[in-house]
All heavy atoms as atom14 arrays in JSON, in Angstrom:
{
  "sequence": "GEETLVFKMSVQGVIYEVNEAVSELGGYSEKDLIGQSYESIWHSHVPQ",
  "atom14_mask": [
    [1, 1, 1, 1, 0, 0, 0, 0, 0, 0, 0, 0, 0, 0],
    [1, 1, 1, 1, 1, 1, 1, 1, 1, 0, 0, 0, 0, 0],
    [1, 1, 1, 1, 1, 1, 1, 1, 1, 0, 0, 0, 0, 0],
    [1, 1, 1, 1, 1, 1, 1, 0, 0, 0, 0, 0, 0, 0],
    [1, 1, 1, 1, 1, 1, 1, 1, 0, 0, 0, 0, 0, 0],
    [1, 1, 1, 1, 1, 1, 1, 0, 0, 0, 0, 0, 0, 0],
    [1, 1, 1, 1, 1, 1, 1, 1, 1, 1, 1, 0, 0, 0],
    [1, 1, 1, 1, 1, 1, 1, 1, 1, 0, 0, 0, 0, 0],
    [1, 1, 1, 1, 1, 1, 1, 1, 0, 0, 0, 0, 0, 0],
    [1, 1, 1, 1, 1, 1, 0, 0, 0, 0, 0, 0, 0, 0],
    [1, 1, 1, 1, 1, 1, 1, 0, 0, 0, 0, 0, 0, 0],
    [1, 1, 1, 1, 1, 1, 1, 1, 1, 0, 0, 0, 0, 0],
    [1, 1, 1, 1, 0, 0, 0, 0, 0, 0, 0, 0, 0, 0],
    [1, 1, 1, 1, 1, 1, 1, 0, 0, 0, 0, 0, 0, 0],
    [1, 1, 1, 1, 1, 1, 1, 1, 0, 0, 0, 0, 0, 0],
    [1, 1, 1, 1, 1, 1, 1, 1, 1, 1, 1, 1, 0, 0],
    [1, 1, 1, 1, 1, 1, 1, 1, 1, 0, 0, 0, 0, 0],
    [1, 1, 1, 1, 1, 1, 1, 0, 0, 0, 0, 0, 0, 0],
    [1, 1, 1, 1, 1, 1, 1, 1, 0, 0, 0, 0, 0, 0],
    [1, 1, 1, 1, 1, 1, 1, 1, 1, 0, 0, 0, 0, 0],
    [1, 1, 1, 1, 1, 0, 0, 0, 0, 0, 0, 0, 0, 0],
    [1, 1, 1, 1, 1, 1, 1, 0, 0, 0, 0, 0, 0, 0],
    [1, 1, 1, 1, 1, 1, 0, 0, 0, 0, 0, 0, 0, 0],
    [1, 1, 1, 1, 1, 1, 1, 1, 1, 0, 0, 0, 0, 0],
    [1, 1, 1, 1, 1, 1, 1, 1, 0, 0, 0, 0, 0, 0],
    [1, 1, 1, 1, 0, 0, 0, 0, 0, 0, 0, 0, 0, 0],
    [1, 1, 1, 1, 0, 0, 0, 0, 0, 0, 0, 0, 0, 0],
    [1, 1, 1, 1, 1, 1, 1, 1, 1, 1, 1, 1, 0, 0],
    [1, 1, 1, 1, 1, 1, 0, 0, 0, 0, 0, 0, 0, 0],
    [1, 1, 1, 1, 1, 1, 1, 1, 1, 0, 0, 0, 0, 0],
    [1, 1, 1, 1, 1, 1, 1, 1, 1, 0, 0, 0, 0, 0],
    [1, 1, 1, 1, 1, 1, 1, 1, 0, 0, 0, 0, 0, 0],
    [1, 1, 1, 1, 1, 1, 1, 1, 0, 0, 0, 0, 0, 0],
    [1, 1, 1, 1, 1, 1, 1, 1, 0, 0, 0, 0, 0, 0],
    [1, 1, 1, 1, 0, 0, 0, 0, 0, 0, 0, 0, 0, 0],
    [1, 1, 1, 1, 1, 1, 1, 1, 1, 0, 0, 0, 0, 0],
    [1, 1, 1, 1, 1, 1, 0, 0, 0, 0, 0, 0, 0, 0],
    [1, 1, 1, 1, 1, 1, 1, 1, 1, 1, 1, 1, 0, 0],
    [1, 1, 1, 1, 1, 1, 1, 1, 1, 0, 0, 0, 0, 0],
    [1, 1, 1, 1, 1, 1, 0, 0, 0, 0, 0, 0, 0, 0],
    [1, 1, 1, 1, 1, 1, 1, 1, 0, 0, 0, 0, 0, 0],
    [1, 1, 1, 1, 1, 1, 1, 1, 1, 1, 1, 1, 1, 1],
    [1, 1, 1, 1, 1, 1, 1, 1, 1, 1, 0, 0, 0, 0],
    [1, 1, 1, 1, 1, 1, 0, 0, 0, 0, 0, 0, 0, 0],
    [1, 1, 1, 1, 1, 1, 1, 1, 1, 1, 0, 0, 0, 0],
    [1, 1, 1, 1, 1, 1, 1, 0, 0, 0, 0, 0, 0, 0],
    [1, 1, 1, 1, 1, 1, 1, 0, 0, 0, 0, 0, 0, 0],
    [1, 1, 1, 1, 1, 1, 1, 1, 1, 0, 0, 0, 0, 0]
  ],
  "atom14_positions": [
    [[63.79, 83.81, -7.46], [63.98, 84.01, -8.89], [62.72, 83.98, -9.71], [62.74, 84.21, -10.91], [0.0, 0.0, 0.0], [0.0, 0.0, 0.0], [0.0, 0.0, 0.0], [0.0, 0.0, 0.0], [0.0, 0.0, 0.0], [0.0, 0.0, 0.0], [0.0, 0.0, 0.0], [0.0, 0.0, 0.0], [0.0, 0.0, 0.0], [0.0, 0.0, 0.0]],
    [[61.56, 83.68, -9.09], [60.32, 83.66, -9.83], [59.87, 85.09, -10.14], [60.13, 86.01, -9.39], [59.22, 82.94, -9.02], [59.45, 81.45, -8.89], [58.29, 80.79, -8.15], [57.66, 81.47, -7.32], [58.03, 79.62, -8.41], [0.0, 0.0, 0.0], [0.0, 0.0, 0.0], [0.0, 0.0, 0.0], [0.0, 0.0, 0.0], [0.0, 0.0, 0.0]],
    [[59.19, 85.23, -11.26], [58.68, 86.52, -11.65], [57.56, 86.94, -10.7], [56.67, 86.17, -10.37], [58.15, 86.47, -13.09], [57.88, 87.83, -13.7], [59.15, 88.57, -14.08], [60.23, 87.95, -14.02], [59.06, 89.76, -14.41], [0.0, 0.0, 0.0], [0.0, 0.0, 0.0], [0.0, 0.0, 0.0], [0.0, 0.0, 0.0], [0.0, 0.0, 0.0]],
    [[57.61, 88.19, -10.25], [56.61, 88.71, -9.33], [55.67, 89.65, -10.07], [56.1, 90.59, -10.73], [57.28, 89.49, -8.17], [58.15, 88.61, -7.46], [56.23, 90.03, -7.22], [0.0, 0.0, 0.0], [0.0, 0.0, 0.0], [0.0, 0.0, 0.0], [0.0, 0.0, 0.0], [0.0, 0.0, 0.0], [0.0, 0.0, 0.0], [0.0, 0.0, 0.0]],
    [[54.38, 89.38, -9.98], [53.38, 90.27, -10.55], [53.1, 91.39, -9.56], [52.94, 91.13, -8.36], [52.08, 89.52, -10.87], [52.1, 88.62, -12.12], [52.94, 87.37, -11.89], [50.68, 88.22, -12.51], [0.0, 0.0, 0.0], [0.0, 0.0, 0.0], [0.0, 0.0, 0.0], [0.0, 0.0, 0.0], [0.0, 0.0, 0.0], [0.0, 0.0, 0.0]],
    [[53.05, 92.61, -10.04], [52.88, 93.76, -9.16], [51.7, 94.61, -9.63], [51.61, 94.98, -10.8], [54.15, 94.64, -9.12], [53.94, 95.84, -8.2], [55.36, 93.83, -8.67], [0.0, 0.0, 0.0], [0.0, 0.0, 0.0], [0.0, 0.0, 0.0], [0.0, 0.0, 0.0], [0.0, 0.0, 0.0], [0.0, 0.0, 0.0], [0.0, 0.0, 0.0]],
    [[50.8, 94.88, -8.69], [49.66, 95.76, -8.95], [49.73, 96.91, -7.94], [49.75, 96.66, -6.73], [48.33, 95.03, -8.74], [48.16, 93.76, -9.53], [48.73, 92.57, -9.08], [47.43, 93.73, -10.71], [48.56, 91.39, -9.79], [47.26, 92.55, -11.42], [47.83, 91.39, -10.97], [0.0, 0.0, 0.0], [0.0, 0.0, 0.0], [0.0, 0.0, 0.0]],
    [[49.76, 98.15, -8.43], [49.74, 99.3, -7.53], [48.35, 99.91, -7.55], [47.76, 100.11, -8.61], [50.79, 100.33, -7.94], [52.22, 99.82, -7.81], [53.21, 100.9, -8.16], [54.65, 100.38, -8.05], [55.65, 101.43, -8.38], [0.0, 0.0, 0.0], [0.0, 0.0, 0.0], [0.0, 0.0, 0.0], [0.0, 0.0, 0.0], [0.0, 0.0, 0.0]],
    [[47.84, 100.2, -6.34], [46.46, 100.67, -6.2], [46.39, 101.95, -5.39], [47.25, 102.22, -4.55], [45.62, 99.6, -5.5], [45.52, 98.28, -6.22], [44.72, 97.05, -5.15], [46.11, 96.51, -4.14], [0.0, 0.0, 0.0], [0.0, 0.0, 0.0], [0.0, 0.0, 0.0], [0.0, 0.0, 0.0], [0.0, 0.0, 0.0], [0.0, 0.0, 0.0]],
    [[45.32, 102.7, -5.62], [45.03, 103.88, -4.81], [44.47, 103.42, -3.47], [44.23, 102.24, -3.25], [44.01, 104.76, -5.53], [42.75, 104.09, -5.6], [0.0, 0.0, 0.0], [0.0, 0.0, 0.0], [0.0, 0.0, 0.0], [0.0, 0.0, 0.0], [0.0, 0.0, 0.0], [0.0, 0.0, 0.0], [0.0, 0.0, 0.0], [0.0, 0.0, 0.0]],
    [[44.2, 104.37, -2.59], [43.63, 104.01, -1.28], [42.22, 103.45, -1.44], [41.7, 102.78, -0.55], [43.61, 105.24, -0.33], [45.01, 105.62, 0.09], [42.89, 106.42, -0.98], [0.0, 0.0, 0.0], [0.0, 0.0, 0.0], [0.0, 0.0, 0.0], [0.0, 0.0, 0.0], [0.0, 0.0, 0.0], [0.0, 0.0, 0.0], [0.0, 0.0, 0.0]],
    [[41.58, 103.72, -2.6], [40.26, 103.16, -2.87], [40.35, 101.77, -3.51], [39.32, 101.14, -3.78], [39.46, 104.08, -3.8], [39.03, 105.4, -3.17], [40.16, 106.41, -3.12], [41.07, 106.37, -3.95], [40.1, 107.31, -2.16], [0.0, 0.0, 0.0], [0.0, 0.0, 0.0], [0.0, 0.0, 0.0], [0.0, 0.0, 0.0], [0.0, 0.0, 0.0]],
    [[41.56, 101.28, -3.77], [41.72, 99.97, -4.36], [41.65, 99.95, -5.86], [41.48, 98.88, -6.46], [0.0, 0.0, 0.0], [0.0, 0.0, 0.0], [0.0, 0.0, 0.0], [0.0, 0.0, 0.0], [0.0, 0.0, 0.0], [0.0, 0.0, 0.0], [0.0, 0.0, 0.0], [0.0, 0.0, 0.0], [0.0, 0.0, 0.0], [0.0, 0.0, 0.0]],
    [[41.79, 101.11, -6.5], [41.74, 101.2, -7.96], [43.16, 101.08, -8.52], [44.07, 101.79, -8.09], [41.11, 102.53, -8.41], [41.14, 102.65, -9.94], [39.68, 102.62, -7.9], [0.0, 0.0, 0.0], [0.0, 0.0, 0.0], [0.0, 0.0, 0.0], [0.0, 0.0, 0.0], [0.0, 0.0, 0.0], [0.0, 0.0, 0.0], [0.0, 0.0, 0.0]],
    [[43.35, 100.16, -9.46], [44.67, 99.92, -10.05], [45.11, 101.13, -10.89], [44.34, 101.62, -11.72], [44.66, 98.66, -10.92], [44.36, 97.43, -10.06], [46.0, 98.48, -11.65], [44.13, 96.16, -10.86], [0.0, 0.0, 0.0], [0.0, 0.0, 0.0], [0.0, 0.0, 0.0], [0.0, 0.0, 0.0], [0.0, 0.0, 0.0], [0.0, 0.0, 0.0]],
    [[46.35, 101.58, -10.68], [46.88, 102.66, -11.52], [48.19, 102.28, -12.2], [48.7, 103.01, -13.05], [47.04, 103.97, -10.72], [48.07, 103.94, -9.63], [49.42, 104.16, -9.89], [47.69, 103.71, -8.3], [50.37, 104.14, -8.88], [48.63, 103.69, -7.29], [49.96, 103.92, -7.58], [50.9, 103.9, -6.57], [0.0, 0.0, 0.0], [0.0, 0.0, 0.0]],
    [[48.73, 101.1, -11.82], [49.98, 100.67, -12.46], [50.17, 99.17, -12.24], [49.86, 98.64, -11.18], [51.18, 101.44, -11.88], [52.5, 101.12, -12.56], [53.67, 101.9, -11.96], [53.43, 102.93, -11.29], [54.82, 101.46, -12.15], [0.0, 0.0, 0.0], [0.0, 0.0, 0.0], [0.0, 0.0, 0.0], [0.0, 0.0, 0.0], [0.0, 0.0, 0.0]],
    [[50.67, 98.49, -13.27], [51.03, 97.07, -13.16], [52.37, 96.88, -13.88], [52.77, 97.71, -14.69], [49.97, 96.14, -13.78], [48.64, 96.26, -13.05], [49.79, 96.42, -15.26], [0.0, 0.0, 0.0], [0.0, 0.0, 0.0], [0.0, 0.0, 0.0], [0.0, 0.0, 0.0], [0.0, 0.0, 0.0], [0.0, 0.0, 0.0], [0.0, 0.0, 0.0]],
    [[53.04, 95.78, -13.57], [54.31, 95.52, -14.27], [54.11, 94.56, -15.43], [53.01, 94.02, -15.64], [55.39, 95.03, -13.3], [55.08, 93.63, -12.76], [53.98, 93.11, -12.9], [56.08, 93.02, -12.12], [0.0, 0.0, 0.0], [0.0, 0.0, 0.0], [0.0, 0.0, 0.0], [0.0, 0.0, 0.0], [0.0, 0.0, 0.0], [0.0, 0.0, 0.0]],
    [[55.14, 94.3, -16.19], [55.05, 93.48, -17.39], [54.7, 92.03, -17.09], [54.12, 91.34, -17.93], [56.37, 93.54, -18.18], [56.67, 94.89, -18.78], [57.95, 94.88, -19.59], [58.57, 93.8, -19.69], [58.34, 95.95, -20.1], [0.0, 0.0, 0.0], [0.0, 0.0, 0.0], [0.0, 0.0, 0.0], [0.0, 0.0, 0.0], [0.0, 0.0, 0.0]],
    [[55.05, 91.55, -15.9], [54.76, 90.17, -15.55], [53.26, 89.89, -15.55], [52.84, 88.76, -15.8], [55.35, 89.85, -14.17], [0.0, 0.0, 0.0], [0.0, 0.0, 0.0], [0.0, 0.0, 0.0], [0.0, 0.0, 0.0], [0.0, 0.0, 0.0], [0.0, 0.0, 0.0], [0.0, 0.0, 0.0], [0.0, 0.0, 0.0], [0.0, 0.0, 0.0]],
    [[52.45, 90.9, -15.28], [50.99, 90.72, -15.3], [50.53, 90.34, -16.7], [49.68, 89.47, -16.89], [50.29, 92.01, -14.83], [48.78, 91.87, -14.97], [50.66, 92.33, -13.38], [0.0, 0.0, 0.0], [0.0, 0.0, 0.0], [0.0, 0.0, 0.0], [0.0, 0.0, 0.0], [0.0, 0.0, 0.0], [0.0, 0.0, 0.0], [0.0, 0.0, 0.0]],
    [[51.12, 90.98, -17.71], [50.78, 90.67, -19.1], [51.28, 89.29, -19.5], [50.58, 88.52, -20.17], [51.36, 91.73, -20.04], [51.12, 91.39, -21.38], [0.0, 0.0, 0.0], [0.0, 0.0, 0.0], [0.0, 0.0, 0.0], [0.0, 0.0, 0.0], [0.0, 0.0, 0.0], [0.0, 0.0, 0.0], [0.0, 0.0, 0.0], [0.0, 0.0, 0.0]],
    [[52.49, 88.95, -19.05], [53.09, 87.68, -19.43], [52.33, 86.49, -18.87], [52.15, 85.48, -19.55], [54.54, 87.65, -18.96], [55.43, 88.67, -19.68], [56.81, 88.75, -19.07], [57.09, 87.99, -18.11], [57.62, 89.59, -19.54], [0.0, 0.0, 0.0], [0.0, 0.0, 0.0], [0.0, 0.0, 0.0], [0.0, 0.0, 0.0], [0.0, 0.0, 0.0]],
    [[51.87, 86.61, -17.63], [51.19, 85.47, -17.0], [49.67, 85.53, -17.16], [49.02, 84.51, -17.36], [51.54, 85.39, -15.52], [51.04, 84.15, -14.77], [51.59, 82.88, -15.39], [51.43, 84.21, -13.3], [0.0, 0.0, 0.0], [0.0, 0.0, 0.0], [0.0, 0.0, 0.0], [0.0, 0.0, 0.0], [0.0, 0.0, 0.0], [0.0, 0.0, 0.0]],
    [[49.11, 86.73, -17.07], [47.65, 86.85, -17.09], [47.07, 87.32, -18.41], [45.85, 87.26, -18.6], [0.0, 0.0, 0.0], [0.0, 0.0, 0.0], [0.0, 0.0, 0.0], [0.0, 0.0, 0.0], [0.0, 0.0, 0.0], [0.0, 0.0, 0.0], [0.0, 0.0, 0.0], [0.0, 0.0, 0.0], [0.0, 0.0, 0.0], [0.0, 0.0, 0.0]],
    [[47.92, 87.79, -19.33], [47.43, 88.24, -20.62], [46.87, 89.65, -20.62], [46.4, 90.14, -21.66], [0.0, 0.0, 0.0], [0.0, 0.0, 0.0], [0.0, 0.0, 0.0], [0.0, 0.0, 0.0], [0.0, 0.0, 0.0], [0.0, 0.0, 0.0], [0.0, 0.0, 0.0], [0.0, 0.0, 0.0], [0.0, 0.0, 0.0], [0.0, 0.0, 0.0]],
    [[46.91, 90.34, -19.48], [46.36, 91.69, -19.39], [47.41, 92.75, -19.72], [48.56, 92.65, -19.28], [45.84, 91.96, -17.97], [44.7, 91.08, -17.54], [44.94, 89.95, -16.75], [43.39, 91.38, -17.9], [43.89, 89.14, -16.33], [42.35, 90.57, -17.49], [42.6, 89.45, -16.71], [41.57, 88.65, -16.3], [0.0, 0.0, 0.0], [0.0, 0.0, 0.0]],
    [[47.01, 93.76, -20.46], [47.88, 94.9, -20.66], [47.62, 95.9, -19.54], [46.61, 95.8, -18.82], [47.59, 95.57, -22.01], [46.29, 96.15, -22.0], [0.0, 0.0, 0.0], [0.0, 0.0, 0.0], [0.0, 0.0, 0.0], [0.0, 0.0, 0.0], [0.0, 0.0, 0.0], [0.0, 0.0, 0.0], [0.0, 0.0, 0.0], [0.0, 0.0, 0.0]],
    [[48.49, 96.85, -19.38], [48.29, 97.87, -18.35], [46.99, 98.63, -18.63], [46.24, 98.97, -17.71], [49.48, 98.83, -18.32], [49.45, 99.81, -17.16], [50.71, 100.63, -17.04], [51.02, 101.34, -18.02], [51.39, 100.56, -16.0], [0.0, 0.0, 0.0], [0.0, 0.0, 0.0], [0.0, 0.0, 0.0], [0.0, 0.0, 0.0], [0.0, 0.0, 0.0]],
    [[46.7, 98.86, -19.91], [45.49, 99.58, -20.3], [44.24, 98.82, -19.87], [43.21, 99.43, -19.51], [45.47, 99.8, -21.81], [44.3, 100.64, -22.31], [44.4, 100.85, -23.81], [43.21, 101.67, -24.32], [43.3, 101.88, -25.79], [0.0, 0.0, 0.0], [0.0, 0.0, 0.0], [0.0, 0.0, 0.0], [0.0, 0.0, 0.0], [0.0, 0.0, 0.0]],
    [[44.29, 97.48, -19.92], [43.14, 96.66, -19.51], [42.79, 96.86, -18.04], [41.6, 96.78, -17.66], [43.43, 95.17, -19.74], [43.55, 94.8, -21.2], [42.88, 95.44, -22.03], [44.33, 93.87, -21.51], [0.0, 0.0, 0.0], [0.0, 0.0, 0.0], [0.0, 0.0, 0.0], [0.0, 0.0, 0.0], [0.0, 0.0, 0.0], [0.0, 0.0, 0.0]],
    [[43.81, 97.09, -17.21], [43.6, 97.06, -15.77], [43.53, 98.42, -15.09], [42.95, 98.54, -14.01], [44.7, 96.22, -15.11], [44.72, 94.73, -15.51], [45.87, 94.02, -14.82], [43.4, 94.06, -15.16], [0.0, 0.0, 0.0], [0.0, 0.0, 0.0], [0.0, 0.0, 0.0], [0.0, 0.0, 0.0], [0.0, 0.0, 0.0], [0.0, 0.0, 0.0]],
    [[44.14, 99.44, -15.68], [44.11, 100.77, -15.06], [42.66, 101.23, -14.91], [41.87, 101.18, -15.85], [44.93, 101.78, -15.87], [46.43, 101.49, -15.7], [44.62, 103.21, -15.44], [47.33, 102.42, -16.45], [0.0, 0.0, 0.0], [0.0, 0.0, 0.0], [0.0, 0.0, 0.0], [0.0, 0.0, 0.0], [0.0, 0.0, 0.0], [0.0, 0.0, 0.0]],
    [[42.33, 101.63, -13.7], [40.97, 102.08, -13.41], [40.06, 100.98, -12.9], [38.92, 101.24, -12.49], [0.0, 0.0, 0.0], [0.0, 0.0, 0.0], [0.0, 0.0, 0.0], [0.0, 0.0, 0.0], [0.0, 0.0, 0.0], [0.0, 0.0, 0.0], [0.0, 0.0, 0.0], [0.0, 0.0, 0.0], [0.0, 0.0, 0.0], [0.0, 0.0, 0.0]],
    [[40.54, 99.72, -12.91], [39.77, 98.58, -12.41], [40.11, 98.31, -10.95], [41.19, 98.64, -10.48], [40.04, 97.33, -13.25], [39.76, 97.49, -14.73], [38.29, 97.75, -15.02], [37.42, 97.11, -14.43], [38.02, 98.7, -15.91], [0.0, 0.0, 0.0], [0.0, 0.0, 0.0], [0.0, 0.0, 0.0], [0.0, 0.0, 0.0], [0.0, 0.0, 0.0]],
    [[39.18, 97.69, -10.25], [39.47, 97.29, -8.87], [40.38, 96.06, -8.89], [40.31, 95.25, -9.82], [38.18, 96.98, -8.12], [37.52, 95.87, -8.69], [0.0, 0.0, 0.0], [0.0, 0.0, 0.0], [0.0, 0.0, 0.0], [0.0, 0.0, 0.0], [0.0, 0.0, 0.0], [0.0, 0.0, 0.0], [0.0, 0.0, 0.0], [0.0, 0.0, 0.0]],
    [[41.19, 95.93, -7.87], [42.16, 94.83, -7.81], [41.47, 93.47, -7.88], [41.86, 92.58, -8.63], [43.01, 94.95, -6.55], [43.83, 93.73, -6.23], [44.79, 93.26, -7.13], [43.66, 93.05, -5.03], [45.54, 92.13, -6.85], [44.41, 91.93, -4.73], [45.35, 91.47, -5.65], [46.09, 90.36, -5.36], [0.0, 0.0, 0.0], [0.0, 0.0, 0.0]],
    [[40.39, 93.32, -7.11], [39.74, 92.0, -7.04], [38.89, 91.71, -8.28], [38.3, 90.62, -8.39], [38.88, 91.88, -5.77], [37.75, 92.86, -5.66], [38.17, 94.16, -4.99], [39.38, 94.43, -4.9], [37.27, 94.88, -4.55], [0.0, 0.0, 0.0], [0.0, 0.0, 0.0], [0.0, 0.0, 0.0], [0.0, 0.0, 0.0], [0.0, 0.0, 0.0]],
    [[38.81, 92.65, -9.22], [38.01, 92.41, -10.43], [38.59, 91.3, -11.3], [37.88, 90.72, -12.12], [37.9, 93.7, -11.25], [39.17, 94.08, -11.77], [0.0, 0.0, 0.0], [0.0, 0.0, 0.0], [0.0, 0.0, 0.0], [0.0, 0.0, 0.0], [0.0, 0.0, 0.0], [0.0, 0.0, 0.0], [0.0, 0.0, 0.0], [0.0, 0.0, 0.0]],
    [[39.88, 90.99, -11.13], [40.46, 89.9, -11.91], [40.57, 88.61, -11.1], [41.15, 87.64, -11.56], [41.85, 90.27, -12.5], [42.85, 90.56, -11.38], [41.74, 91.44, -13.46], [44.27, 90.67, -11.9], [0.0, 0.0, 0.0], [0.0, 0.0, 0.0], [0.0, 0.0, 0.0], [0.0, 0.0, 0.0], [0.0, 0.0, 0.0], [0.0, 0.0, 0.0]],
    [[40.0, 88.61, -9.89], [39.92, 87.37, -9.13], [38.87, 86.47, -9.78], [37.86, 86.94, -10.32], [39.52, 87.63, -7.69], [40.61, 88.21, -6.84], [41.8, 88.72, -7.28], [40.59, 88.38, -5.43], [42.53, 89.18, -6.22], [41.81, 88.99, -5.07], [39.66, 88.09, -4.43], [42.13, 89.3, -3.75], [39.97, 88.4, -3.12], [41.19, 88.99, -2.79]],
    [[39.08, 85.19, -9.71], [38.15, 84.22, -10.29], [36.87, 84.16, -9.45], [36.9, 84.4, -8.24], [38.81, 82.85, -10.35], [38.17, 81.91, -11.3], [37.01, 81.21, -11.01], [38.52, 81.54, -12.57], [36.69, 80.45, -12.03], [37.58, 80.63, -13.0], [0.0, 0.0, 0.0], [0.0, 0.0, 0.0], [0.0, 0.0, 0.0], [0.0, 0.0, 0.0]],
    [[35.77, 83.81, -10.08], [34.49, 83.71, -9.38], [34.49, 82.59, -8.33], [33.63, 82.58, -7.45], [33.35, 83.48, -10.38], [33.58, 82.29, -11.12], [0.0, 0.0, 0.0], [0.0, 0.0, 0.0], [0.0, 0.0, 0.0], [0.0, 0.0, 0.0], [0.0, 0.0, 0.0], [0.0, 0.0, 0.0], [0.0, 0.0, 0.0], [0.0, 0.0, 0.0]],
    [[35.46, 81.66, -8.41], [35.54, 80.58, -7.43], [36.03, 81.08, -6.07], [35.83, 80.41, -5.05], [36.49, 79.49, -7.92], [35.94, 78.71, -9.08], [36.7, 77.83, -9.82], [34.7, 78.68, -9.63], [35.96, 77.3, -10.78], [34.75, 77.8, -10.68], [0.0, 0.0, 0.0], [0.0, 0.0, 0.0], [0.0, 0.0, 0.0], [0.0, 0.0, 0.0]],
    [[36.68, 82.25, -6.05], [37.18, 82.79, -4.79], [35.98, 83.22, -3.94], [35.14, 84.0, -4.4], [38.11, 83.99, -5.02], [38.62, 84.54, -3.68], [39.29, 83.6, -5.91], [0.0, 0.0, 0.0], [0.0, 0.0, 0.0], [0.0, 0.0, 0.0], [0.0, 0.0, 0.0], [0.0, 0.0, 0.0], [0.0, 0.0, 0.0], [0.0, 0.0, 0.0]],
    [[35.86, 82.74, -2.7], [34.72, 83.12, -1.85], [34.63, 84.63, -1.68], [35.64, 85.31, -1.51], [35.03, 82.42, -0.52], [35.91, 81.28, -0.89], [36.74, 81.77, -2.03], [0.0, 0.0, 0.0], [0.0, 0.0, 0.0], [0.0, 0.0, 0.0], [0.0, 0.0, 0.0], [0.0, 0.0, 0.0], [0.0, 0.0, 0.0], [0.0, 0.0, 0.0]],
    [[33.42, 85.17, -1.7], [33.21, 86.61, -1.56], [33.76, 87.12, -0.24], [34.21, 88.27, -0.13], [31.73, 86.94, -1.68], [31.41, 88.43, -1.66], [32.07, 89.2, -2.8], [32.2, 88.67, -3.89], [32.5, 90.43, -2.53], [0.0, 0.0, 0.0], [0.0, 0.0, 0.0], [0.0, 0.0, 0.0], [0.0, 0.0, 0.0], [0.0, 0.0, 0.0]]
  ]
}
């Protein structure tokens, strides 16, 4: 029953679609993320 955040990416890893849960939890609109790489919103604490 938990809300699932969904990011759809091209084969190059470029985001082309997200669902509303991304905005609700992360504050990002679809416009903010389209054209960005998926890992671009990972925190800098995540090991490279």
